[in-house]
Amino acid sequence: MTKSKMANRYSPEVRARAVRMVFEHQGSYETQAGAIAAIAPK
């Protein structure tokens, strides 16, 4: 998949929700990367 196709894979609303979830839950994980890894499948 090319970079431009990957950039449009998710809607802006889904991206915003994912970012918001990471910031809301990052205190529950040792690192931000840990929070991202846990939230990404959702």
Protein backbone atom coordinates (compact mmCIF):
# COMPACT_ATOMS: atom_id res chain seq x y z
CA MET A 1 0.00 0.00 0.00
CA THR A 2 1.40 3.39 -0.92
CA LYS A 3 1.85 6.15 1.59
CA SER A 4 -1.01 8.24 0.16
CA LYS A 5 -3.44 5.32 0.46
CA MET A 6 -2.39 4.70 4.05
CA ALA A 7 -2.93 8.36 4.90
CA ASN A 8 -6.58 8.07 3.85
CA ARG A 9 -7.27 4.71 5.45
CA TYR A 10 -9.17 6.18 8.41
CA SER A 11 -11.54 9.11 8.53
CA PRO A 12 -10.59 12.26 10.46
CA GLU A 13 -13.25 11.38 13.05
CA VAL A 14 -11.74 7.96 13.70
CA ARG A 15 -8.25 9.46 13.96
CA ALA A 16 -9.45 12.10 16.42
CA ARG A 17 -11.16 9.45 18.54
CA ALA A 18 -8.01 7.31 18.61
CA VAL A 19 -5.84 10.25 19.67
CA ARG A 20 -8.35 11.22 22.36
CA MET A 21 -8.45 7.65 23.69
CA VAL A 22 -4.65 7.51 23.92
CA PHE A 23 -4.47 10.76 25.88
CA GLU A 24 -7.31 9.71 28.19
CA HIS A 25 -5.79 6.31 28.98
CA GLN A 26 -2.03 6.88 28.82
CA GLY A 27 -1.88 7.20 32.62
CA SER A 28 -2.85 3.53 32.86
CA TYR A 29 0.27 2.45 30.92
CA GLU A 30 3.98 2.86 31.56
CA THR A 31 4.59 4.53 28.20
CA GLN A 32 2.58 6.29 25.53
CA ALA A 33 3.62 3.55 23.13
CA GLY A 34 2.04 1.00 25.49
CA ALA A 35 -1.22 2.95 25.47
CA ILE A 36 -1.14 3.15 21.68
CA ALA A 37 -0.49 -0.58 21.34
CA ALA A 38 -3.38 -1.39 23.67
CA ILE A 39 -5.84 0.99 22.01
CA ALA A 40 -4.89 0.37 18.37
CA PRO A 41 -6.90 -2.86 17.95
CA LYS A 42 -10.03 -1.12 19.19
